[in-house]
Amino acid sequence: MSNPPTEFYSEERWQNWIDRIEDEDIDPEDEDSARLLLNLQDDTAIAIAKIVAAYDDGELEEDEALAEIADVREIVLGEVDIDDEEKLILVDGVQTSLVCVFFAAEEYVADGPAEDGSVGDYLGAAADAETEEDLDAALGYAAQAGTLIIDGDKLDMQVAEDLEYGLVTEWINGLDSLQSAMSDPEVVEEDE
């Protein structure tokens, strides 16, 4: 079911993904399970990419674009009702990855792309801030990297491989979905 052109993402769409995760045997080591979780993440990133594109094309004003991003964020980052603790943890991981996507999109709409530094510079600064336990600064730097990705710069996933696992690597995972969505914003079919 496609959404009307004025609706970029819906509670129903998110819930369909959650229902599917709840109904299936999920094993993160299994390729099909991993793909389902990645599709959930990519589907949200595509919605954000479409909002940003509509803003860039003049179809949405700044306040409208920010409101649309906030609507999607509220749907996606809300509490998820899944009884299975393992599945809940996996969905939480997807939600965590997407936090930076929302902040990057908001930052891009409000202030445009970051002016100084590269994607790698900002992600390195984010990792340093995370090491110093300054998570607000880490998220800010990661979001700045995201603004550059929205603007067409490339994310080299080697950056994540060189970092210790943590929030920044989760956010980089989300930014990778955003990069894919910006280059090819096709809808991920829920029944794949």
C-alpha atoms as a PDB file:
ATOM      1  CA  MET A   1       0.000   0.000   0.000  1.00  0.00           C
ATOM      2  CA  SER A   2       1.526   3.308  -0.991  1.00  0.00           C
ATOM      3  CA  ASN A   3       1.148   6.446   1.039  1.00  0.00           C
ATOM      4  CA  PRO A   4      -0.600   9.504  -0.377  1.00  0.00           C
ATOM      5  CA  PRO A   5       1.904  12.040  -1.729  1.00  0.00           C
ATOM      6  CA  THR A   6       1.369  14.313   1.272  1.00  0.00           C
ATOM      7  CA  GLU A   7       2.275  11.568   3.736  1.00  0.00           C
ATOM      8  CA  PHE A   8       5.917  10.574   3.809  1.00  0.00           C
ATOM      9  CA  TYR A   9       5.585   7.905   6.495  1.00  0.00           C
ATOM     10  CA  SER A  10       2.754   6.551   8.581  1.00  0.00           C
ATOM     11  CA  GLU A  11       2.220   4.862  11.910  1.00  0.00           C
ATOM     12  CA  GLU A  12       0.569   2.032   9.960  1.00  0.00           C
ATOM     13  CA  ARG A  13       3.668   1.515   7.799  1.00  0.00           C
ATOM     14  CA  TRP A  14       5.947   1.339  10.840  1.00  0.00           C
ATOM     15  CA  GLN A  15       3.542  -0.993  12.634  1.00  0.00           C
ATOM     16  CA  ASN A  16       3.456  -3.299   9.597  1.00  0.00           C
ATOM     17  CA  TRP A  17       7.237  -3.703   9.887  1.00  0.00           C
ATOM     18  CA  ILE A  18       7.001  -4.278  13.646  1.00  0.00           C
ATOM     19  CA  ASP A  19       4.233  -6.860  13.172  1.00  0.00           C
ATOM     20  CA  ARG A  20       6.341  -8.653  10.594  1.00  0.00           C
ATOM     21  CA  ILE A  21       9.333  -8.746  12.939  1.00  0.00           C
ATOM     22  CA  GLU A  22       7.120  -9.998  15.740  1.00  0.00           C
ATOM     23  CA  ASP A  23       5.648 -12.759  13.523  1.00  0.00           C
ATOM     24  CA  GLU A  24       8.953 -14.069  12.160  1.00  0.00           C
ATOM     25  CA  ASP A  25      11.754 -16.050  13.723  1.00  0.00           C
ATOM     26  CA  ILE A  26      14.476 -13.444  13.927  1.00  0.00           C
ATOM     27  CA  ASP A  27      18.111 -14.452  14.127  1.00  0.00           C
ATOM     28  CA  PRO A  28      20.544 -11.572  13.488  1.00  0.00           C
ATOM     29  CA  GLU A  29      23.066 -14.095  12.157  1.00  0.00           C
ATOM     30  CA  ASP A  30      20.565 -15.241   9.511  1.00  0.00           C
ATOM     31  CA  GLU A  31      20.729 -13.308   6.231  1.00  0.00           C
ATOM     32  CA  ASP A  32      16.932 -13.031   5.832  1.00  0.00           C
ATOM     33  CA  SER A  33      16.514 -11.739   9.388  1.00  0.00           C
ATOM     34  CA  ALA A  34      19.325  -9.236   8.957  1.00  0.00           C
ATOM     35  CA  ARG A  35      17.770  -8.077   5.669  1.00  0.00           C
ATOM     36  CA  LEU A  36      14.386  -7.564   7.352  1.00  0.00           C
ATOM     37  CA  LEU A  37      15.968  -5.331  10.001  1.00  0.00           C
ATOM     38  CA  LEU A  38      17.981  -3.465   7.368  1.00  0.00           C
ATOM     39  CA  ASN A  39      14.838  -2.977   5.263  1.00  0.00           C
ATOM     40  CA  LEU A  40      13.071  -1.516   8.304  1.00  0.00           C
ATOM     41  CA  GLN A  41      15.944   0.944   8.724  1.00  0.00           C
ATOM     42  CA  ASP A  42      16.239   1.717   5.009  1.00  0.00           C
ATOM     43  CA  ASP A  43      12.490   2.295   4.687  1.00  0.00           C
ATOM     44  CA  THR A  44      12.663   5.023   7.328  1.00  0.00           C
ATOM     45  CA  ALA A  45      15.794   6.547   5.777  1.00  0.00           C
ATOM     46  CA  ILE A  46      14.005   6.663   2.406  1.00  0.00           C
ATOM     47  CA  ALA A  47      11.120   8.597   3.973  1.00  0.00           C
ATOM     48  CA  ILE A  48      13.613  11.112   5.384  1.00  0.00           C
ATOM     49  CA  ALA A  49      15.410  11.350   2.024  1.00  0.00           C
ATOM     50  CA  LYS A  50      12.099  12.099   0.308  1.00  0.00           C
ATOM     51  CA  ILE A  51      11.301  14.859   2.801  1.00  0.00           C
ATOM     52  CA  VAL A  52      14.728  16.438   2.294  1.00  0.00           C
ATOM     53  CA  ALA A  53      14.367  16.129  -1.495  1.00  0.00           C
ATOM     54  CA  ALA A  54      10.930  17.771  -1.345  1.00  0.00           C
ATOM     55  CA  TYR A  55      12.475  20.590   0.694  1.00  0.00           C
ATOM     56  CA  ASP A  56      15.396  20.960  -1.752  1.00  0.00           C
ATOM     57  CA  ASP A  57      12.926  21.019  -4.669  1.00  0.00           C
ATOM     58  CA  GLY A  58      10.885  23.781  -3.031  1.00  0.00           C
ATOM     59  CA  GLU A  59       7.857  21.532  -2.492  1.00  0.00           C
ATOM     60  CA  LEU A  60       8.124  21.987   1.282  1.00  0.00           C
ATOM     61  CA  GLU A  61       9.002  25.109   3.251  1.00  0.00           C
ATOM     62  CA  GLU A  62      11.583  24.797   6.035  1.00  0.00           C
ATOM     63  CA  ASP A  63       8.958  24.611   8.804  1.00  0.00           C
ATOM     64  CA  GLU A  64       6.936  22.024   6.867  1.00  0.00           C
ATOM     65  CA  ALA A  65      10.003  19.859   6.253  1.00  0.00           C
ATOM     66  CA  LEU A  66      11.032  20.058   9.921  1.00  0.00           C
ATOM     67  CA  ALA A  67       7.483  19.120  10.965  1.00  0.00           C
ATOM     68  CA  GLU A  68       7.488  16.123   8.584  1.00  0.00           C
ATOM     69  CA  ILE A  69      10.848  14.937   9.939  1.00  0.00           C
ATOM     70  CA  ALA A  70       9.527  15.336  13.495  1.00  0.00           C
ATOM     71  CA  ASP A  71       6.428  13.304  12.604  1.00  0.00           C
ATOM     72  CA  VAL A  72       8.511  10.421  11.247  1.00  0.00           C
ATOM     73  CA  ARG A  73      10.869  10.624  14.237  1.00  0.00           C
ATOM     74  CA  GLU A  74       7.921  10.432  16.640  1.00  0.00           C
ATOM     75  CA  ILE A  75       6.564   7.330  14.885  1.00  0.00           C
ATOM     76  CA  VAL A  76       9.890   5.528  14.580  1.00  0.00           C
ATOM     77  CA  LEU A  77      11.479   6.387  17.916  1.00  0.00           C
ATOM     78  CA  GLY A  78       8.350   5.755  19.956  1.00  0.00           C
ATOM     79  CA  GLU A  79       8.069   2.834  22.321  1.00  0.00           C
ATOM     80  CA  VAL A  80       7.669  -0.461  20.475  1.00  0.00           C
ATOM     81  CA  ASP A  81       5.236  -3.071  21.740  1.00  0.00           C
ATOM     82  CA  ILE A  82       6.983  -6.406  21.209  1.00  0.00           C
ATOM     83  CA  ASP A  83       6.873  -9.132  23.852  1.00  0.00           C
ATOM     84  CA  ASP A  84      10.058 -10.889  22.727  1.00  0.00           C
ATOM     85  CA  GLU A  85      12.999  -9.198  24.504  1.00  0.00           C
ATOM     86  CA  GLU A  86      15.546 -10.187  21.830  1.00  0.00           C
ATOM     87  CA  LYS A  87      13.414  -8.734  19.042  1.00  0.00           C
ATOM     88  CA  LEU A  88      12.877  -5.584  21.095  1.00  0.00           C
ATOM     89  CA  ILE A  89      16.646  -5.188  21.458  1.00  0.00           C
ATOM     90  CA  LEU A  90      17.109  -5.608  17.684  1.00  0.00           C
ATOM     91  CA  VAL A  91      14.437  -2.994  16.903  1.00  0.00           C
ATOM     92  CA  ASP A  92      16.034  -0.706  19.496  1.00  0.00           C
ATOM     93  CA  GLY A  93      19.304  -1.067  17.587  1.00  0.00           C
ATOM     94  CA  VAL A  94      17.549   0.080  14.401  1.00  0.00           C
ATOM     95  CA  GLN A  95      15.995   2.998  16.267  1.00  0.00           C
ATOM     96  CA  THR A  96      19.404   3.973  17.668  1.00  0.00           C
ATOM     97  CA  SER A  97      20.927   3.879  14.181  1.00  0.00           C
ATOM     98  CA  LEU A  98      18.201   6.208  12.917  1.00  0.00           C
ATOM     99  CA  VAL A  99      18.599   8.871  15.633  1.00  0.00           C
ATOM    100  CA  CYS A 100      21.461  10.470  13.728  1.00  0.00           C
ATOM    101  CA  VAL A 101      19.503  10.351  10.466  1.00  0.00           C
ATOM    102  CA  PHE A 102      16.758  12.495  12.019  1.00  0.00           C
ATOM    103  CA  PHE A 103      19.221  14.970  13.519  1.00  0.00           C
ATOM    104  CA  ALA A 104      21.182  15.225  10.263  1.00  0.00           C
ATOM    105  CA  ALA A 105      18.030  15.891   8.247  1.00  0.00           C
ATOM    106  CA  GLU A 106      16.847  18.554  10.696  1.00  0.00           C
ATOM    107  CA  GLU A 107      20.271  20.184  10.701  1.00  0.00           C
ATOM    108  CA  TYR A 108      20.416  20.123   6.906  1.00  0.00           C
ATOM    109  CA  VAL A 109      16.971  21.707   6.519  1.00  0.00           C
ATOM    110  CA  ALA A 110      17.627  24.343   9.195  1.00  0.00           C
ATOM    111  CA  ASP A 111      21.245  25.256   8.364  1.00  0.00           C
ATOM    112  CA  GLY A 112      22.337  23.433   5.208  1.00  0.00           C
ATOM    113  CA  PRO A 113      25.379  21.190   4.959  1.00  0.00           C
ATOM    114  CA  ALA A 114      28.320  21.595   7.313  1.00  0.00           C
ATOM    115  CA  GLU A 115      30.870  23.978   5.867  1.00  0.00           C
ATOM    116  CA  ASP A 116      34.176  22.853   7.334  1.00  0.00           C
ATOM    117  CA  GLY A 117      35.569  19.347   7.263  1.00  0.00           C
ATOM    118  CA  SER A 118      34.699  16.079   5.597  1.00  0.00           C
ATOM    119  CA  VAL A 119      32.391  13.230   6.503  1.00  0.00           C
ATOM    120  CA  GLY A 120      35.395  11.367   7.889  1.00  0.00           C
ATOM    121  CA  ASP A 121      36.568  14.402   9.903  1.00  0.00           C
ATOM    122  CA  TYR A 122      33.186  14.788  11.574  1.00  0.00           C
ATOM    123  CA  LEU A 123      32.843  11.074  12.292  1.00  0.00           C
ATOM    124  CA  GLY A 124      36.344  11.016  13.762  1.00  0.00           C
ATOM    125  CA  ALA A 125      35.384  13.949  16.000  1.00  0.00           C
ATOM    126  CA  ALA A 126      32.185  12.102  16.936  1.00  0.00           C
ATOM    127  CA  ALA A 127      34.172   9.013  17.923  1.00  0.00           C
ATOM    128  CA  ASP A 128      36.579  11.144  19.987  1.00  0.00           C
ATOM    129  CA  ALA A 129      33.652  12.811  21.753  1.00  0.00           C
ATOM    130  CA  GLU A 130      32.088   9.415  22.460  1.00  0.00           C
ATOM    131  CA  THR A 131      35.389   8.230  23.961  1.00  0.00           C
ATOM    132  CA  GLU A 132      35.266  11.271  26.248  1.00  0.00           C
ATOM    133  CA  GLU A 133      31.623  10.356  27.061  1.00  0.00           C
ATOM    134  CA  ASP A 134      30.304  13.598  25.567  1.00  0.00           C
ATOM    135  CA  LEU A 135      27.410  11.969  23.709  1.00  0.00           C
ATOM    136  CA  ASP A 136      25.680  15.254  22.821  1.00  0.00           C
ATOM    137  CA  ALA A 137      28.808  16.456  21.045  1.00  0.00           C
ATOM    138  CA  ALA A 138      29.249  13.032  19.425  1.00  0.00           C
ATOM    139  CA  LEU A 139      25.709  13.163  18.044  1.00  0.00           C
ATOM    140  CA  GLY A 140      26.265  16.747  16.871  1.00  0.00           C
ATOM    141  CA  TYR A 141      29.400  15.785  14.948  1.00  0.00           C
ATOM    142  CA  ALA A 142      27.736  12.690  13.467  1.00  0.00           C
ATOM    143  CA  ALA A 143      24.759  14.817  12.390  1.00  0.00           C
ATOM    144  CA  GLN A 144      27.142  17.268  10.687  1.00  0.00           C
ATOM    145  CA  ALA A 145      28.608  14.319   8.770  1.00  0.00           C
ATOM    146  CA  GLY A 146      25.037  13.429   7.843  1.00  0.00           C
ATOM    147  CA  THR A 147      24.398  16.894   6.406  1.00  0.00           C
ATOM    148  CA  LEU A 148      27.365  16.378   4.103  1.00  0.00           C
ATOM    149  CA  ILE A 149      26.025  12.963   3.051  1.00  0.00           C
ATOM    150  CA  ILE A 150      22.656  14.547   2.266  1.00  0.00           C
ATOM    151  CA  ASP A 151      24.555  17.123   0.207  1.00  0.00           C
ATOM    152  CA  GLY A 152      26.170  14.345  -1.853  1.00  0.00           C
ATOM    153  CA  ASP A 153      29.428  13.575  -0.050  1.00  0.00           C
ATOM    154  CA  LYS A 154      30.274   9.905   0.330  1.00  0.00           C
ATOM    155  CA  LEU A 155      30.494   7.885   3.518  1.00  0.00           C
ATOM    156  CA  ASP A 156      33.356   5.393   3.516  1.00  0.00           C
ATOM    157  CA  MET A 157      32.177   2.516   5.717  1.00  0.00           C
ATOM    158  CA  GLN A 158      35.838   1.767   6.487  1.00  0.00           C
ATOM    159  CA  VAL A 159      35.477   4.584   9.015  1.00  0.00           C
ATOM    160  CA  ALA A 160      33.104   2.418  11.081  1.00  0.00           C
ATOM    161  CA  GLU A 161      35.334  -0.621  10.802  1.00  0.00           C
ATOM    162  CA  ASP A 162      38.208   1.339  12.327  1.00  0.00           C
ATOM    163  CA  LEU A 163      36.135   2.381  15.364  1.00  0.00           C
ATOM    164  CA  GLU A 164      35.303   0.555  18.528  1.00  0.00           C
ATOM    165  CA  TYR A 165      31.652  -0.508  18.599  1.00  0.00           C
ATOM    166  CA  GLY A 166      29.391   2.049  20.238  1.00  0.00           C
ATOM    167  CA  LEU A 167      26.793   4.700  19.524  1.00  0.00           C
ATOM    168  CA  VAL A 168      28.873   6.326  16.790  1.00  0.00           C
ATOM    169  CA  THR A 169      29.171   3.055  14.875  1.00  0.00           C
ATOM    170  CA  GLU A 170      25.394   2.601  15.249  1.00  0.00           C
ATOM    171  CA  TRP A 171      24.839   6.129  13.920  1.00  0.00           C
ATOM    172  CA  ILE A 172      27.228   5.474  11.022  1.00  0.00           C
ATOM    173  CA  ASN A 173      25.092   2.452  10.166  1.00  0.00           C
ATOM    174  CA  GLY A 174      22.068   4.776   9.985  1.00  0.00           C
ATOM    175  CA  LEU A 175      24.000   7.284   7.887  1.00  0.00           C
ATOM    176  CA  ASP A 176      24.874   4.472   5.479  1.00  0.00           C
ATOM    177  CA  SER A 177      21.130   3.837   5.054  1.00  0.00           C
ATOM    178  CA  LEU A 178      20.639   7.572   4.534  1.00  0.00           C
ATOM    179  CA  GLN A 179      23.366   7.614   1.882  1.00  0.00           C
ATOM    180  CA  SER A 180      21.699   4.734   0.043  1.00  0.00           C
ATOM    181  CA  ALA A 181      18.319   6.461   0.321  1.00  0.00           C
ATOM    182  CA  MET A 182      19.680   9.755  -1.012  1.00  0.00           C
ATOM    183  CA  SER A 183      21.185   8.024  -4.048  1.00  0.00           C
ATOM    184  CA  ASP A 184      18.217   5.727  -4.739  1.00  0.00           C
ATOM    185  CA  PRO A 185      15.064   6.689  -2.819  1.00  0.00           C
ATOM    186  CA  GLU A 186      12.970   3.727  -3.920  1.00  0.00           C
ATOM    187  CA  VAL A 187      10.383   2.357  -1.565  1.00  0.00           C
ATOM    188  CA  VAL A 188      11.327  -0.806   0.279  1.00  0.00           C
ATOM    189  CA  GLU A 189       8.424  -3.179  -0.162  1.00  0.00           C
ATOM    190  CA  GLU A 190       7.143  -4.510   3.140  1.00  0.00           C
ATOM    191  CA  ASP A 191       6.510  -7.969   1.712  1.00  0.00           C
ATOM    192  CA  GLU A 192       9.999  -8.603   0.331  1.00  0.00           C
END
